[in-house]
Each structure stands twice: as C-alpha cells, then as structure tokens.
PDB file of N, CA and C in Angstrom:
ATOM      1  N   MET A   1       0.830  -1.185   0.000  1.00  0.00           N
ATOM      2  CA  MET A   1       0.000   0.000   0.000  1.00  0.00           C
ATOM      3  C   MET A   1       0.875   1.249   0.000  1.00  0.00           C
ATOM      4  N   TYR A   2       1.989   1.190   0.723  1.00  0.00           N
ATOM      5  CA  TYR A   2       2.889   2.348   0.758  1.00  0.00           C
ATOM      6  C   TYR A   2       3.417   2.635  -0.640  1.00  0.00           C
ATOM      7  N   ASP A   3       3.806   1.587  -1.342  1.00  0.00           N
ATOM      8  CA  ASP A   3       4.358   1.767  -2.676  1.00  0.00           C
ATOM      9  C   ASP A   3       3.302   2.311  -3.639  1.00  0.00           C
ATOM     10  N   ALA A   4       2.100   1.751  -3.597  1.00  0.00           N
ATOM     11  CA  ALA A   4       1.056   2.148  -4.543  1.00  0.00           C
ATOM     12  C   ALA A   4       0.567   3.572  -4.299  1.00  0.00           C
ATOM     13  N   SER A   5       0.425   3.956  -3.039  1.00  0.00           N
ATOM     14  CA  SER A   5      -0.125   5.290  -2.764  1.00  0.00           C
ATOM     15  C   SER A   5       0.955   6.324  -2.502  1.00  0.00           C
ATOM     16  N   GLY A   6       2.198   5.911  -2.427  1.00  0.00           N
ATOM     17  CA  GLY A   6       3.262   6.862  -2.156  1.00  0.00           C
ATOM     18  C   GLY A   6       4.199   7.003  -3.326  1.00  0.00           C
ATOM     19  N   VAL A   7       5.055   6.018  -3.483  1.00  0.00           N
ATOM     20  CA  VAL A   7       6.131   6.095  -4.469  1.00  0.00           C
ATOM     21  C   VAL A   7       5.585   6.166  -5.892  1.00  0.00           C
ATOM     22  N   ARG A   8       4.721   5.221  -6.254  1.00  0.00           N
ATOM     23  CA  ARG A   8       4.218   5.202  -7.639  1.00  0.00           C
ATOM     24  C   ARG A   8       3.305   6.378  -7.941  1.00  0.00           C
ATOM     25  N   LEU A   9       2.519   6.828  -6.961  1.00  0.00           N
ATOM     26  CA  LEU A   9       1.645   7.979  -7.178  1.00  0.00           C
ATOM     27  C   LEU A   9       2.470   9.218  -7.492  1.00  0.00           C
ATOM     28  N   HIS A  10       3.543   9.436  -6.745  1.00  0.00           N
ATOM     29  CA  HIS A  10       4.378  10.610  -6.976  1.00  0.00           C
ATOM     30  C   HIS A  10       5.187  10.477  -8.268  1.00  0.00           C
ATOM     31  N   ALA A  11       5.578   9.268  -8.622  1.00  0.00           N
ATOM     32  CA  ALA A  11       6.263   9.057  -9.904  1.00  0.00           C
ATOM     33  C   ALA A  11       5.315   9.377 -11.061  1.00  0.00           C
ATOM     34  N   GLY A  12       4.061   9.037 -10.905  1.00  0.00           N
ATOM     35  CA  GLY A  12       3.060   9.369 -11.927  1.00  0.00           C
ATOM     36  C   GLY A  12       2.850  10.862 -12.055  1.00  0.00           C
ATOM     37  N   ARG A  13       2.864  11.558 -10.933  1.00  0.00           N
ATOM     38  CA  ARG A  13       2.725  13.016 -10.976  1.00  0.00           C
ATOM     39  C   ARG A  13       3.930  13.660 -11.650  1.00  0.00           C
ATOM     40  N   GLN A  14       5.116  13.127 -11.390  1.00  0.00           N
ATOM     41  CA  GLN A  14       6.310  13.624 -12.072  1.00  0.00           C
ATOM     42  C   GLN A  14       6.215  13.376 -13.569  1.00  0.00           C
ATOM     43  N   ALA A  15       5.702  12.216 -13.959  1.00  0.00           N
ATOM     44  CA  ALA A  15       5.558  11.898 -15.378  1.00  0.00           C
ATOM     45  C   ALA A  15       4.605  12.880 -16.055  1.00  0.00           C
ATOM     46  N   GLU A  16       3.528  13.277 -15.373  1.00  0.00           N
ATOM     47  CA  GLU A  16       2.608  14.268 -15.933  1.00  0.00           C
ATOM     48  C   GLU A  16       3.337  15.573 -16.233  1.00  0.00           C
ATOM     49  N   LEU A  17       4.125  16.043 -15.271  1.00  0.00           N
ATOM     50  CA  LEU A  17       4.860  17.295 -15.463  1.00  0.00           C
ATOM     51  C   LEU A  17       5.880  17.179 -16.587  1.00  0.00           C
ATOM     52  N   LEU A  18       6.599  16.061 -16.632  1.00  0.00           N
ATOM     53  CA  LEU A  18       7.579  15.872 -17.700  1.00  0.00           C
ATOM     54  C   LEU A  18       6.909  15.833 -19.068  1.00  0.00           C
ATOM     55  N   ASN A  19       5.740  15.211 -19.159  1.00  0.00           N
ATOM     56  CA  ASN A  19       5.008  15.187 -20.425  1.00  0.00           C
ATOM     57  C   ASN A  19       4.601  16.600 -20.840  1.00  0.00           C
ATOM     58  N   GLN A  20       4.188  17.427 -19.875  1.00  0.00           N
ATOM     59  CA  GLN A  20       3.833  18.814 -20.185  1.00  0.00           C
ATOM     60  C   GLN A  20       5.038  19.585 -20.698  1.00  0.00           C
ATOM     61  N   ILE A  21       6.190  19.374 -20.059  1.00  0.00           N
ATOM     62  CA  ILE A  21       7.406  20.068 -20.482  1.00  0.00           C
ATOM     63  C   ILE A  21       7.779  19.669 -21.907  1.00  0.00           C
ATOM     64  N   VAL A  22       7.712  18.383 -22.217  1.00  0.00           N
ATOM     65  CA  VAL A  22       8.067  17.902 -23.554  1.00  0.00           C
ATOM     66  C   VAL A  22       7.097  18.463 -24.596  1.00  0.00           C
ATOM     67  N   CYS A  23       5.818  18.591 -24.246  1.00  0.00           N
ATOM     68  CA  CYS A  23       4.830  19.142 -25.192  1.00  0.00           C
ATOM     69  C   CYS A  23       5.119  20.605 -25.515  1.00  0.00           C
ATOM     70  N   GLU A  24       5.745  21.324 -24.605  1.00  0.00           N
ATOM     71  CA  GLU A  24       6.031  22.742 -24.815  1.00  0.00           C
ATOM     72  C   GLU A  24       7.341  22.980 -25.568  1.00  0.00           C
ATOM     73  N   LEU A  25       8.079  21.928 -25.858  1.00  0.00           N
ATOM     74  CA  LEU A  25       9.333  22.078 -26.593  1.00  0.00           C
ATOM     75  C   LEU A  25       9.049  22.452 -28.049  1.00  0.00           C
ATOM     76  N   PRO A  26       9.945  23.204 -28.672  1.00  0.00           N
ATOM     77  CA  PRO A  26       9.755  23.520 -30.100  1.00  0.00           C
ATOM     78  C   PRO A  26       9.856  22.250 -30.946  1.00  0.00           C
ATOM     79  N   PRO A  27       9.205  22.237 -32.096  1.00  0.00           N
ATOM     80  CA  PRO A  27       9.186  21.019 -32.933  1.00  0.00           C
ATOM     81  C   PRO A  27      10.564  20.549 -33.383  1.00  0.00           C
ATOM     82  N   GLU A  28      11.528  21.444 -33.477  1.00  0.00           N
ATOM     83  CA  GLU A  28      12.856  21.034 -33.936  1.00  0.00           C
ATOM     84  C   GLU A  28      13.705  20.409 -32.828  1.00  0.00           C
ATOM     85  N   HIS A  29      13.241  20.426 -31.605  1.00  0.00           N
ATOM     86  CA  HIS A  29      13.991  19.836 -30.486  1.00  0.00           C
ATOM     87  C   HIS A  29      13.974  18.309 -30.623  1.00  0.00           C
ATOM     88  N   PRO A  30      15.095  17.638 -30.346  1.00  0.00           N
ATOM     89  CA  PRO A  30      15.150  16.169 -30.502  1.00  0.00           C
ATOM     90  C   PRO A  30      14.158  15.409 -29.624  1.00  0.00           C
ATOM     91  N   LEU A  31      13.777  15.950 -28.488  1.00  0.00           N
ATOM     92  CA  LEU A  31      12.847  15.253 -27.594  1.00  0.00           C
ATOM     93  C   LEU A  31      11.384  15.549 -27.890  1.00  0.00           C
ATOM     94  N   SER A  32      11.101  16.427 -28.854  1.00  0.00           N
ATOM     95  CA  SER A  32       9.710  16.782 -29.132  1.00  0.00           C
ATOM     96  C   SER A  32       8.925  15.601 -29.693  1.00  0.00           C
ATOM     97  N   ASN A  33       9.612  14.602 -30.250  1.00  0.00           N
ATOM     98  CA  ASN A  33       8.941  13.415 -30.806  1.00  0.00           C
ATOM     99  C   ASN A  33       8.907  12.265 -29.811  1.00  0.00           C
ATOM    100  N   ALA A  34       9.378  12.482 -28.591  1.00  0.00           N
ATOM    101  CA  ALA A  34       9.478  11.395 -27.610  1.00  0.00           C
ATOM    102  C   ALA A  34       8.096  10.864 -27.246  1.00  0.00           C
ATOM    103  N   ARG A  35       8.061   9.578 -27.012  1.00  0.00           N
ATOM    104  CA  ARG A  35       6.822   8.916 -26.586  1.00  0.00           C
ATOM    105  C   ARG A  35       6.477   9.400 -25.180  1.00  0.00           C
ATOM    106  N   PRO A  36       5.208   9.765 -24.914  1.00  0.00           N
ATOM    107  CA  PRO A  36       4.840  10.249 -23.574  1.00  0.00           C
ATOM    108  C   PRO A  36       5.031   9.178 -22.496  1.00  0.00           C
ATOM    109  N   LEU A  37       5.376   9.622 -21.307  1.00  0.00           N
ATOM    110  CA  LEU A  37       5.540   8.714 -20.177  1.00  0.00           C
ATOM    111  C   LEU A  37       4.175   8.314 -19.621  1.00  0.00           C
ATOM    112  N   ARG A  38       4.094   7.104 -19.079  1.00  0.00           N
ATOM    113  CA  ARG A  38       2.850   6.679 -18.410  1.00  0.00           C
ATOM    114  C   ARG A  38       2.691   7.485 -17.135  1.00  0.00           C
ATOM    115  N   ASP A  39       1.513   8.061 -16.950  1.00  0.00           N
ATOM    116  CA  ASP A  39       1.314   8.881 -15.758  1.00  0.00           C
ATOM    117  C   ASP A  39       0.276   8.311 -14.800  1.00  0.00           C
ATOM    118  N   SER A  40      -0.279   7.164 -15.116  1.00  0.00           N
ATOM    119  CA  SER A  40      -1.230   6.532 -14.199  1.00  0.00           C
ATOM    120  C   SER A  40      -0.562   5.334 -13.540  1.00  0.00           C
ATOM    121  N   LEU A  41       0.310   5.612 -12.588  1.00  0.00           N
ATOM    122  CA  LEU A  41       1.111   4.550 -11.987  1.00  0.00           C
ATOM    123  C   LEU A  41       0.608   4.100 -10.624  1.00  0.00           C
ATOM    124  N   GLY A  42       0.127   5.000  -9.818  1.00  0.00           N
ATOM    125  CA  GLY A  42      -0.197   4.659  -8.435  1.00  0.00           C
ATOM    126  C   GLY A  42      -1.662   4.850  -8.100  1.00  0.00           C
ATOM    127  N   HIS A  43      -1.946   4.758  -6.825  1.00  0.00           N
ATOM    128  CA  HIS A  43      -3.305   4.926  -6.309  1.00  0.00           C
ATOM    129  C   HIS A  43      -3.331   6.071  -5.311  1.00  0.00           C
ATOM    130  N   THR A  44      -4.490   6.699  -5.213  1.00  0.00           N
ATOM    131  CA  THR A  44      -4.668   7.721  -4.192  1.00  0.00           C
ATOM    132  C   THR A  44      -4.778   7.036  -2.836  1.00  0.00           C
ATOM    133  N   PRO A  45      -4.564   7.754  -1.746  1.00  0.00           N
ATOM    134  CA  PRO A  45      -4.726   7.134  -0.428  1.00  0.00           C
ATOM    135  C   PRO A  45      -6.125   6.548  -0.208  1.00  0.00           C
ATOM    136  N   LEU A  46      -7.139   7.184  -0.755  1.00  0.00           N
ATOM    137  CA  LEU A  46      -8.499   6.655  -0.621  1.00  0.00           C
ATOM    138  C   LEU A  46      -8.640   5.310  -1.340  1.00  0.00           C
ATOM    139  N   GLN A  47      -8.044   5.189  -2.512  1.00  0.00           N
ATOM    140  CA  GLN A  47      -8.078   3.918  -3.233  1.00  0.00           C
ATOM    141  C   GLN A  47      -7.322   2.828  -2.470  1.00  0.00           C
ATOM    142  N   GLY A  48      -6.201   3.194  -1.855  1.00  0.00           N
ATOM    143  CA  GLY A  48      -5.454   2.236  -1.044  1.00  0.00           C
ATOM    144  C   GLY A  48      -6.259   1.755   0.149  1.00  0.00           C
ATOM    145  N   LEU A  49      -6.941   2.673   0.803  1.00  0.00           N
ATOM    146  CA  LEU A  49      -7.800   2.323   1.940  1.00  0.00           C
ATOM    147  C   LEU A  49      -8.951   1.425   1.498  1.00  0.00           C
ATOM    148  N   ALA A  50      -9.565   1.749   0.367  1.00  0.00           N
ATOM    149  CA  ALA A  50     -10.665   0.931  -0.144  1.00  0.00           C
ATOM    150  C   ALA A  50     -10.181  -0.486  -0.464  1.00  0.00           C
ATOM    151  N   GLY A  51      -8.984  -0.617  -1.017  1.00  0.00           N
ATOM    152  CA  GLY A  51      -8.430  -1.937  -1.299  1.00  0.00           C
ATOM    153  C   GLY A  51      -8.168  -2.735  -0.036  1.00  0.00           C
ATOM    154  N   ALA A  52      -7.698  -2.053   1.013  1.00  0.00           N
ATOM    155  CA  ALA A  52      -7.452  -2.731   2.284  1.00  0.00           C
ATOM    156  C   ALA A  52      -8.757  -3.225   2.902  1.00  0.00           C
ATOM    157  N   VAL A  53      -9.767  -2.376   2.867  1.00  0.00           N
ATOM    158  CA  VAL A  53     -11.082  -2.765   3.422  1.00  0.00           C
ATOM    159  C   VAL A  53     -11.652  -3.923   2.616  1.00  0.00           C
ATOM    160  N   LEU A  54     -11.574  -3.843   1.297  1.00  0.00           N
ATOM    161  CA  LEU A  54     -12.091  -4.927   0.456  1.00  0.00           C
ATOM    162  C   LEU A  54     -11.350  -6.231   0.731  1.00  0.00           C
ATOM    163  N   GLY A  55     -10.035  -6.154   0.898  1.00  0.00           N
ATOM    164  CA  GLY A  55      -9.262  -7.353   1.209  1.00  0.00           C
ATOM    165  C   GLY A  55      -9.687  -7.988   2.525  1.00  0.00           C
ATOM    166  N   CYS A  56      -9.939  -7.157   3.536  1.00  0.00           N
ATOM    167  CA  CYS A  56     -10.397  -7.678   4.830  1.00  0.00           C
ATOM    168  C   CYS A  56     -11.777  -8.322   4.717  1.00  0.00           C
ATOM    169  N   VAL A  57     -12.674  -7.705   3.967  1.00  0.00           N
ATOM    170  CA  VAL A  57     -14.024  -8.240   3.797  1.00  0.00           C
ATOM    171  C   VAL A  57     -13.967  -9.592   3.068  1.00  0.00           C
ATOM    172  N   VAL A  58     -13.185  -9.675   2.010  1.00  0.00           N
ATOM    173  CA  VAL A  58     -13.066 -10.929   1.257  1.00  0.00           C
ATOM    174  C   VAL A  58     -12.473 -12.007   2.142  1.00  0.00           C
ATOM    175  N   ALA A  59     -11.435 -11.692   2.916  1.00  0.00           N
ATOM    176  CA  ALA A  59     -10.823 -12.675   3.815  1.00  0.00           C
ATOM    177  C   ALA A  59     -11.821 -13.148   4.864  1.00  0.00           C
ATOM    178  N   PHE A  60     -12.625 -12.243   5.397  1.00  0.00           N
ATOM    179  CA  PHE A  60     -13.641 -12.610   6.388  1.00  0.00           C
ATOM    180  C   PHE A  60     -14.690 -13.538   5.774  1.00  0.00           C
ATOM    181  N   VAL A  61     -15.176 -13.214   4.577  1.00  0.00           N
ATOM    182  CA  VAL A  61     -16.200 -14.033   3.930  1.00  0.00           C
ATOM    183  C   VAL A  61     -15.640 -15.408   3.594  1.00  0.00           C
ATOM    184  N   VAL A  62     -14.424 -15.481   3.075  1.00  0.00           N
ATOM    185  CA  VAL A  62     -13.844 -16.777   2.710  1.00  0.00           C
ATOM    186  C   VAL A  62     -13.608 -17.627   3.952  1.00  0.00           C
ATOM    187  N   ARG A  63     -13.129 -17.004   5.017  1.00  0.00           N
ATOM    188  CA  ARG A  63     -12.847 -17.758   6.243  1.00  0.00           C
ATOM    189  C   ARG A  63     -14.128 -18.294   6.887  1.00  0.00           C
ATOM    190  N   ASN A  64     -15.199 -17.547   6.807  1.00  0.00           N
ATOM    191  CA  ASN A  64     -16.452 -17.956   7.448  1.00  0.00           C
ATOM    192  C   ASN A  64     -17.390 -18.732   6.528  1.00  0.00           C
ATOM    193  N   SER A  65     -16.965 -19.049   5.303  1.00  0.00           N
ATOM    194  CA  SER A  65     -17.852 -19.778   4.384  1.00  0.00           C
ATOM    195  C   SER A  65     -17.777 -21.276   4.607  1.00  0.00           C
ATOM    196  N   ASN A  66     -16.888 -21.760   5.430  1.00  0.00           N
ATOM    197  CA  ASN A  66     -16.746 -23.201   5.658  1.00  0.00           C
ATOM    198  C   ASN A  66     -17.758 -23.673   6.618  1.00  0.00           C
TER     199      ASN A  66
END
C-alpha cells in the first residue's frame, strides 16, 4: 500500500509534469517526438484504503464460508 499510494503515485505526478514540459518544446527539439511517459502509476490514499477494506471483507467471507 505504501508503494502504490506513495512512491508510484508521486512518480506518476512527475511523469505528468515531464510530459507537459516535452509538449512545450519547439518542434525542432530532438525530444519533441518522444513517446509520452505513463502517468497513471499509483493509487490515491483513498483507493489504497478501499483496497485494504475490500481485502479484509473478502478474507472474512472466505474464512467464514466453511
């Protein structure tokens, strides 16, 4: 959860900014044709919390289904 909502989320935000910078480059610049970076890498803290709750609910249902 730390990786998904922390490290990867911030790496995705950096990728968004880098993509904006590359889009503003003049057409003759060598990087103006570069493939855009993926910017949807991580999860928001709310998504991480929802995944944790869902995991607990699924574990509870599976454990009590016997």
